[in-house]
C-alpha atoms as a PDB file:
ATOM      1  CA  UNK A   1     -21.022   7.259 -36.208  1.00  0.00           C
ATOM      2  CA  UNK A   2     -18.550   4.522 -34.831  1.00  0.00           C
ATOM      3  CA  UNK A   3     -15.819   7.008 -34.498  1.00  0.00           C
ATOM      4  CA  UNK A   4     -17.427   9.336 -32.186  1.00  0.00           C
ATOM      5  CA  UNK A   5     -15.971  10.354 -29.135  1.00  0.00           C
ATOM      6  CA  UNK A   6     -12.584   9.744 -30.523  1.00  0.00           C
ATOM      7  CA  UNK A   7     -10.598  12.692 -30.023  1.00  0.00           C
ATOM      8  CA  UNK A   8      -7.714  13.655 -32.470  1.00  0.00           C
ATOM      9  CA  UNK A   9      -5.119  16.266 -32.404  1.00  0.00           C
ATOM     10  CA  UNK A  10      -3.517  17.957 -35.459  1.00  0.00           C
ATOM     11  CA  UNK A  11      -0.711  20.060 -35.332  1.00  0.00           C
ATOM     12  CA  UNK A  12      -0.256  21.973 -38.571  1.00  0.00           C
ATOM     13  CA  UNK A  13       1.412  25.122 -39.491  1.00  0.00           C
ATOM     14  CA  UNK A  14      -0.239  26.169 -42.666  1.00  0.00           C
ATOM     15  CA  UNK A  15      -4.163  26.608 -41.719  1.00  0.00           C
ATOM     16  CA  UNK A  16      -5.622  25.370 -45.452  1.00  0.00           C
ATOM     17  CA  UNK A  17      -3.962  22.009 -44.880  1.00  0.00           C
ATOM     18  CA  UNK A  18      -5.224  22.096 -41.339  1.00  0.00           C
ATOM     19  CA  UNK A  19      -8.662  22.950 -42.345  1.00  0.00           C
ATOM     20  CA  UNK A  20      -8.291  20.070 -45.016  1.00  0.00           C
ATOM     21  CA  UNK A  21      -7.284  17.562 -42.480  1.00  0.00           C
ATOM     22  CA  UNK A  22     -10.175  18.496 -39.900  1.00  0.00           C
ATOM     23  CA  UNK A  23     -12.582  18.605 -42.299  1.00  0.00           C
ATOM     24  CA  UNK A  24     -11.739  15.005 -43.536  1.00  0.00           C
ATOM     25  CA  UNK A  25     -11.386  14.064 -39.847  1.00  0.00           C
ATOM     26  CA  UNK A  26     -14.795  15.164 -38.756  1.00  0.00           C
ATOM     27  CA  UNK A  27     -16.301  14.156 -41.785  1.00  0.00           C
ATOM     28  CA  UNK A  28     -15.538  10.677 -40.706  1.00  0.00           C
ATOM     29  CA  UNK A  29     -16.819  11.226 -37.350  1.00  0.00           C
ATOM     30  CA  UNK A  30     -13.799  12.104 -35.163  1.00  0.00           C
ATOM     31  CA  UNK A  31     -13.287  14.535 -32.544  1.00  0.00           C
ATOM     32  CA  UNK A  32     -10.867  16.694 -33.782  1.00  0.00           C
ATOM     33  CA  UNK A  33      -8.747  19.631 -32.009  1.00  0.00           C
ATOM     34  CA  UNK A  34      -6.361  21.887 -34.472  1.00  0.00           C
ATOM     35  CA  UNK A  35      -2.894  23.785 -33.645  1.00  0.00           C
ATOM     36  CA  UNK A  36      -0.925  25.928 -35.631  1.00  0.00           C
ATOM     37  CA  UNK A  37       1.863  25.302 -33.406  1.00  0.00           C
ATOM     38  CA  UNK A  38       3.140  23.384 -30.409  1.00  0.00           C
ATOM     39  CA  UNK A  39       2.410  25.854 -28.200  1.00  0.00           C
ATOM     40  CA  UNK A  40      -0.837  25.190 -25.724  1.00  0.00           C
ATOM     41  CA  UNK A  41      -0.923  21.557 -26.740  1.00  0.00           C
ATOM     42  CA  UNK A  42       1.080  19.764 -23.575  1.00  0.00           C
ATOM     43  CA  UNK A  43      -1.664  21.959 -21.609  1.00  0.00           C
ATOM     44  CA  UNK A  44      -4.382  20.306 -24.018  1.00  0.00           C
ATOM     45  CA  UNK A  45      -2.963  16.828 -23.095  1.00  0.00           C
ATOM     46  CA  UNK A  46      -3.110  17.436 -19.358  1.00  0.00           C
ATOM     47  CA  UNK A  47      -6.889  18.430 -19.315  1.00  0.00           C
ATOM     48  CA  UNK A  48      -7.889  16.187 -22.421  1.00  0.00           C
ATOM     49  CA  UNK A  49      -7.243  12.512 -23.239  1.00  0.00           C
ATOM     50  CA  UNK A  50      -6.822  12.389 -27.219  1.00  0.00           C
ATOM     51  CA  UNK A  51      -6.504   8.987 -28.620  1.00  0.00           C
ATOM     52  CA  UNK A  52      -3.848  10.571 -31.618  1.00  0.00           C
ATOM     53  CA  UNK A  53      -1.955  13.233 -32.484  1.00  0.00           C
ATOM     54  CA  UNK A  54      -0.853  14.470 -36.086  1.00  0.00           C
ATOM     55  CA  UNK A  55       2.291  16.369 -36.275  1.00  0.00           C
ATOM     56  CA  UNK A  56       3.762  18.157 -39.050  1.00  0.00           C
ATOM     57  CA  UNK A  57       7.609  18.184 -39.135  1.00  0.00           C
ATOM     58  CA  UNK A  58       7.903  21.970 -40.395  1.00  0.00           C
ATOM     59  CA  UNK A  59       6.369  23.787 -37.297  1.00  0.00           C
ATOM     60  CA  UNK A  60       7.530  27.149 -35.651  1.00  0.00           C
ATOM     61  CA  UNK A  61       9.160  27.580 -32.558  1.00  0.00           C
ATOM     62  CA  UNK A  62       9.429  23.666 -31.586  1.00  0.00           C
ATOM     63  CA  UNK A  63      10.268  21.284 -34.797  1.00  0.00           C
ATOM     64  CA  UNK A  64       7.691  18.225 -34.849  1.00  0.00           C
ATOM     65  CA  UNK A  65       9.927  15.861 -33.988  1.00  0.00           C
ATOM     66  CA  UNK A  66      11.384  17.581 -31.229  1.00  0.00           C
ATOM     67  CA  UNK A  67       8.257  17.851 -29.654  1.00  0.00           C
ATOM     68  CA  UNK A  68       7.150  14.254 -29.948  1.00  0.00           C
ATOM     69  CA  UNK A  69      10.639  13.255 -28.399  1.00  0.00           C
ATOM     70  CA  UNK A  70       9.771  15.866 -25.297  1.00  0.00           C
ATOM     71  CA  UNK A  71       6.411  14.447 -25.145  1.00  0.00           C
ATOM     72  CA  UNK A  72       7.383  10.869 -25.068  1.00  0.00           C
ATOM     73  CA  UNK A  73      10.074  11.866 -22.411  1.00  0.00           C
ATOM     74  CA  UNK A  74       7.617  13.252 -20.049  1.00  0.00           C
ATOM     75  CA  UNK A  75       5.542   9.979 -20.620  1.00  0.00           C
ATOM     76  CA  UNK A  76       2.719  10.638 -23.055  1.00  0.00           C
ATOM     77  CA  UNK A  77       2.439   7.559 -25.125  1.00  0.00           C
ATOM     78  CA  UNK A  78      -0.233   8.709 -27.408  1.00  0.00           C
ATOM     79  CA  UNK A  79       0.058   7.364 -30.589  1.00  0.00           C
ATOM     80  CA  UNK A  80       1.729   9.751 -33.538  1.00  0.00           C
ATOM     81  CA  UNK A  81       1.283   9.704 -37.097  1.00  0.00           C
ATOM     82  CA  UNK A  82       3.889  12.546 -38.827  1.00  0.00           C
ATOM     83  CA  UNK A  83       2.145  14.347 -41.929  1.00  0.00           C
ATOM     84  CA  UNK A  84       5.032  16.210 -43.570  1.00  0.00           C
ATOM     85  CA  UNK A  85       6.453  17.529 -47.015  1.00  0.00           C
ATOM     86  CA  UNK A  86       9.967  16.014 -45.145  1.00  0.00           C
ATOM     87  CA  UNK A  87      10.558  12.958 -47.253  1.00  0.00           C
ATOM     88  CA  UNK A  88      14.229  11.981 -47.176  1.00  0.00           C
ATOM     89  CA  UNK A  89      15.315   8.713 -45.726  1.00  0.00           C
ATOM     90  CA  UNK A  90      17.059  10.741 -42.682  1.00  0.00           C
ATOM     91  CA  UNK A  91      13.847  12.361 -42.300  1.00  0.00           C
ATOM     92  CA  UNK A  92      11.934   9.504 -41.915  1.00  0.00           C
ATOM     93  CA  UNK A  93      14.214   7.832 -39.215  1.00  0.00           C
ATOM     94  CA  UNK A  94      14.339  10.882 -37.506  1.00  0.00           C
ATOM     95  CA  UNK A  95      10.468  10.610 -36.877  1.00  0.00           C
ATOM     96  CA  UNK A  96      10.495   7.026 -35.996  1.00  0.00           C
ATOM     97  CA  UNK A  97      13.126   7.660 -33.474  1.00  0.00           C
ATOM     98  CA  UNK A  98      11.975  10.432 -31.919  1.00  0.00           C
ATOM     99  CA  UNK A  99       8.635   8.404 -30.849  1.00  0.00           C
ATOM    100  CA  UNK A 100       6.252   8.514 -34.141  1.00  0.00           C
ATOM    101  CA  UNK A 101       4.426   5.581 -35.026  1.00  0.00           C
ATOM    102  CA  UNK A 102       3.715   6.181 -38.769  1.00  0.00           C
ATOM    103  CA  UNK A 103       4.842   8.507 -41.233  1.00  0.00           C
ATOM    104  CA  UNK A 104       3.291  10.260 -44.087  1.00  0.00           C
ATOM    105  CA  UNK A 105       4.617  12.624 -46.748  1.00  0.00           C
ATOM    106  CA  UNK A 106       2.880  15.670 -48.475  1.00  0.00           C
ATOM    107  CA  UNK A 107       1.071  15.874 -50.824  1.00  0.00           C
ATOM    108  CA  UNK A 108      -1.360  13.072 -48.900  1.00  0.00           C
ATOM    109  CA  UNK A 109      -4.459  10.922 -49.810  1.00  0.00           C
ATOM    110  CA  UNK A 110      -7.455  11.849 -47.466  1.00  0.00           C
ATOM    111  CA  UNK A 111      -7.911   8.252 -47.603  1.00  0.00           C
ATOM    112  CA  UNK A 112      -4.805   6.463 -47.144  1.00  0.00           C
ATOM    113  CA  UNK A 113      -4.573   9.195 -43.817  1.00  0.00           C
ATOM    114  CA  UNK A 114      -8.009   7.644 -42.550  1.00  0.00           C
ATOM    115  CA  UNK A 115      -6.887   4.021 -43.152  1.00  0.00           C
ATOM    116  CA  UNK A 116      -3.681   4.556 -41.350  1.00  0.00           C
ATOM    117  CA  UNK A 117      -5.269   6.500 -38.668  1.00  0.00           C
ATOM    118  CA  UNK A 118      -7.940   3.395 -37.872  1.00  0.00           C
ATOM    119  CA  UNK A 119      -4.803   0.906 -38.045  1.00  0.00           C
ATOM    120  CA  UNK A 120      -3.323   2.697 -35.291  1.00  0.00           C
ATOM    121  CA  UNK A 121      -6.204   3.463 -33.239  1.00  0.00           C
ATOM    122  CA  UNK A 122      -7.150  -0.341 -33.703  1.00  0.00           C
ATOM    123  CA  UNK A 123      -3.488  -1.363 -32.445  1.00  0.00           C
ATOM    124  CA  UNK A 124      -3.774   1.029 -29.469  1.00  0.00           C
ATOM    125  CA  UNK A 125      -7.256  -0.916 -28.453  1.00  0.00           C
ATOM    126  CA  UNK A 126      -9.132   2.592 -28.840  1.00  0.00           C
ATOM    127  CA  UNK A 127     -10.991   1.528 -31.893  1.00  0.00           C
ATOM    128  CA  UNK A 128     -11.660  -2.354 -31.249  1.00  0.00           C
ATOM    129  CA  UNK A 129     -12.178  -4.911 -34.202  1.00  0.00           C
ATOM    130  CA  UNK A 130     -14.034  -7.744 -31.528  1.00  0.00           C
ATOM    131  CA  UNK A 131     -11.190  -8.517 -29.184  1.00  0.00           C
ATOM    132  CA  UNK A 132      -8.339  -6.251 -27.160  1.00  0.00           C
ATOM    133  CA  UNK A 133      -5.115  -8.241 -25.994  1.00  0.00           C
ATOM    134  CA  UNK A 134      -2.874  -6.874 -23.348  1.00  0.00           C
ATOM    135  CA  UNK A 135      -0.254  -9.108 -22.003  1.00  0.00           C
ATOM    136  CA  UNK A 136      -2.425 -12.062 -20.955  1.00  0.00           C
ATOM    137  CA  UNK A 137      -5.734 -10.257 -20.735  1.00  0.00           C
ATOM    138  CA  UNK A 138      -8.154 -10.680 -23.730  1.00  0.00           C
ATOM    139  CA  UNK A 139     -11.170  -8.379 -23.959  1.00  0.00           C
ATOM    140  CA  UNK A 140     -13.888  -9.403 -25.964  1.00  0.00           C
ATOM    141  CA  UNK A 141     -15.971  -5.938 -26.525  1.00  0.00           C
ATOM    142  CA  UNK A 142     -19.092  -7.552 -28.247  1.00  0.00           C
ATOM    143  CA  UNK A 143     -19.345 -10.328 -25.718  1.00  0.00           C
ATOM    144  CA  UNK A 144     -18.137  -8.198 -22.597  1.00  0.00           C
ATOM    145  CA  UNK A 145     -16.004 -11.278 -21.589  1.00  0.00           C
ATOM    146  CA  UNK A 146     -12.374 -11.626 -20.343  1.00  0.00           C
ATOM    147  CA  UNK A 147     -10.252 -14.601 -20.629  1.00  0.00           C
ATOM    148  CA  UNK A 148      -6.824 -14.914 -19.160  1.00  0.00           C
ATOM    149  CA  UNK A 149      -4.495 -17.224 -20.574  1.00  0.00           C
ATOM    150  CA  UNK A 150      -7.777 -18.731 -22.365  1.00  0.00           C
ATOM    151  CA  UNK A 151      -9.886 -18.852 -19.285  1.00  0.00           C
ATOM    152  CA  UNK A 152     -12.483 -16.811 -18.660  1.00  0.00           C
ATOM    153  CA  UNK A 153     -13.189 -14.488 -15.987  1.00  0.00           C
ATOM    154  CA  UNK A 154     -16.122 -13.638 -14.636  1.00  0.00           C
ATOM    155  CA  UNK A 155     -16.643  -9.613 -14.345  1.00  0.00           C
ATOM    156  CA  UNK A 156     -19.834  -7.494 -13.516  1.00  0.00           C
ATOM    157  CA  UNK A 157     -20.738  -5.234 -16.575  1.00  0.00           C
ATOM    158  CA  UNK A 158     -19.053  -2.029 -14.357  1.00  0.00           C
ATOM    159  CA  UNK A 159     -15.562  -4.386 -13.758  1.00  0.00           C
ATOM    160  CA  UNK A 160     -15.614  -5.048 -17.573  1.00  0.00           C
ATOM    161  CA  UNK A 161     -15.821  -1.031 -18.282  1.00  0.00           C
ATOM    162  CA  UNK A 162     -13.504  -0.600 -15.817  1.00  0.00           C
ATOM    163  CA  UNK A 163     -10.661  -3.017 -17.206  1.00  0.00           C
ATOM    164  CA  UNK A 164     -11.812  -2.159 -20.634  1.00  0.00           C
ATOM    165  CA  UNK A 165     -11.066   1.794 -20.032  1.00  0.00           C
ATOM    166  CA  UNK A 166      -7.309   0.974 -18.426  1.00  0.00           C
ATOM    167  CA  UNK A 167      -6.759  -0.898 -21.419  1.00  0.00           C
ATOM    168  CA  UNK A 168      -7.438   1.802 -23.760  1.00  0.00           C
ATOM    169  CA  UNK A 169      -4.840   3.868 -21.458  1.00  0.00           C
ATOM    170  CA  UNK A 170      -2.709   1.696 -20.924  1.00  0.00           C
ATOM    171  CA  UNK A 171       0.388   3.077 -18.882  1.00  0.00           C
ATOM    172  CA  UNK A 172      -1.372   6.379 -18.569  1.00  0.00           C
ATOM    173  CA  UNK A 173      -2.297   7.492 -14.427  1.00  0.00           C
ATOM    174  CA  UNK A 174      -5.856   7.762 -14.684  1.00  0.00           C
ATOM    175  CA  UNK A 175      -7.068   9.968 -12.292  1.00  0.00           C
ATOM    176  CA  UNK A 176     -10.753   9.569 -10.155  1.00  0.00           C
ATOM    177  CA  UNK A 177     -12.637  12.136 -11.521  1.00  0.00           C
ATOM    178  CA  UNK A 178     -11.644  10.294 -15.030  1.00  0.00           C
ATOM    179  CA  UNK A 179     -12.432   7.110 -14.105  1.00  0.00           C
ATOM    180  CA  UNK A 180     -15.841   8.038 -12.677  1.00  0.00           C
ATOM    181  CA  UNK A 181     -16.970   9.922 -15.635  1.00  0.00           C
ATOM    182  CA  UNK A 182     -15.994   7.165 -18.040  1.00  0.00           C
ATOM    183  CA  UNK A 183     -16.793   4.106 -16.094  1.00  0.00           C
ATOM    184  CA  UNK A 184     -20.038   5.046 -14.102  1.00  0.00           C
ATOM    185  CA  UNK A 185     -21.111   8.169 -16.309  1.00  0.00           C
ATOM    186  CA  UNK A 186     -24.743   8.755 -15.439  1.00  0.00           C
ATOM    187  CA  UNK A 187     -24.805   6.500 -12.438  1.00  0.00           C
ATOM    188  CA  UNK A 188     -22.196   8.556 -10.160  1.00  0.00           C
ATOM    189  CA  UNK A 189     -24.866  10.469  -8.487  1.00  0.00           C
ATOM    190  CA  UNK A 190     -24.229   8.026  -5.607  1.00  0.00           C
ATOM    191  CA  UNK A 191     -20.843   8.107  -6.248  1.00  0.00           C
ATOM    192  CA  UNK A 192     -18.011   8.209  -3.048  1.00  0.00           C
ATOM    193  CA  UNK A 193     -14.414   8.479  -2.790  1.00  0.00           C
ATOM    194  CA  UNK A 194     -13.874   5.032  -1.780  1.00  0.00           C
ATOM    195  CA  UNK A 195     -16.246   3.756  -5.194  1.00  0.00           C
ATOM    196  CA  UNK A 196     -13.088   3.292  -7.049  1.00  0.00           C
ATOM    197  CA  UNK A 197     -11.099   1.966  -4.632  1.00  0.00           C
ATOM    198  CA  UNK A 198     -13.715  -0.962  -3.614  1.00  0.00           C
ATOM    199  CA  UNK A 199     -14.291  -1.797  -7.450  1.00  0.00           C
ATOM    200  CA  UNK A 200     -10.617  -2.132  -8.184  1.00  0.00           C
ATOM    201  CA  UNK A 201     -10.047  -3.853  -4.958  1.00  0.00           C
ATOM    202  CA  UNK A 202     -12.581  -6.379  -6.626  1.00  0.00           C
ATOM    203  CA  UNK A 203     -11.085  -6.509 -10.049  1.00  0.00           C
ATOM    204  CA  UNK A 204      -7.934  -6.837  -9.037  1.00  0.00           C
ATOM    205  CA  UNK A 205      -9.055 -10.068  -6.882  1.00  0.00           C
ATOM    206  CA  UNK A 206     -10.900 -11.443 -10.098  1.00  0.00           C
ATOM    207  CA  UNK A 207      -7.869 -11.218 -12.456  1.00  0.00           C
ATOM    208  CA  UNK A 208      -4.984 -11.534 -10.283  1.00  0.00           C
ATOM    209  CA  UNK A 209      -6.247 -13.639  -7.050  1.00  0.00           C
ATOM    210  CA  UNK A 210      -2.658 -14.244  -5.958  1.00  0.00           C
ATOM    211  CA  UNK A 211      -1.419 -10.689  -6.253  1.00  0.00           C
ATOM    212  CA  UNK A 212       1.716 -11.419  -8.322  1.00  0.00           C
ATOM    213  CA  UNK A 213       0.997 -10.365 -11.567  1.00  0.00           C
ATOM    214  CA  UNK A 214       0.860  -6.633 -10.607  1.00  0.00           C
ATOM    215  CA  UNK A 215      -1.397  -5.411 -13.012  1.00  0.00           C
ATOM    216  CA  UNK A 216      -1.802  -2.171 -11.843  1.00  0.00           C
ATOM    217  CA  UNK A 217      -0.036   0.442  -9.676  1.00  0.00           C
ATOM    218  CA  UNK A 218      -1.181   3.441  -7.690  1.00  0.00           C
ATOM    219  CA  UNK A 219      -0.148   6.783  -8.703  1.00  0.00           C
ATOM    220  CA  UNK A 220       0.391   8.906  -5.400  1.00  0.00           C
ATOM    221  CA  UNK A 221      -2.336  11.702  -5.535  1.00  0.00           C
ATOM    222  CA  UNK A 222      -3.814  10.949  -8.614  1.00  0.00           C
ATOM    223  CA  UNK A 223      -5.388   7.453  -9.054  1.00  0.00           C
ATOM    224  CA  UNK A 224      -3.878   4.028 -11.136  1.00  0.00           C
ATOM    225  CA  UNK A 225      -2.569   2.870 -14.019  1.00  0.00           C
ATOM    226  CA  UNK A 226      -2.220  -0.326 -15.944  1.00  0.00           C
ATOM    227  CA  UNK A 227       1.267  -1.122 -16.325  1.00  0.00           C
END
């Protein structure tokens, strides 16, 4: 199923609604992790790499929009859909101002929620139509081709996969273990500490031979991020 391996977090304090949302998302093929409060969510974000969060506003301990605002301040760019009973215009404004990408009110249509999820995942590059654009880079996922300002750049399959991984996780620091698993996968048996450095240097020379664009930034003690 095309949604396989796309992980979504749902934070909802009413168990029946949480189970309902989990059911519809799982049925659509997504990997779903549910939380009844914001407790432990930050730790989960540190350890996993979910593609989307669905967040209620009326949550115990930390109110939903406050939590999203805190996550944005830390630097998490994960897309957020608020799913809440708060339906005033001021509530909507608070939701978007705190860092929400979309806002749905209860009662809700499961079909509409799935359509909104799909739209956001496509915009964020997690689900591609055929092409993903980032700054002046255009990746054709079907053909596995890269063009920069309409000029095609020859990449190996591994280099394309490496760049695609960074584009899907733009602005996030990606550590070596994550890159190894995502890009090299089963071929990581002969993987060495310098393998990523060599691959990154080759990729950078191909997409930015003059070094003037600086697509990537090293993150000390972690790895790299696409800026």
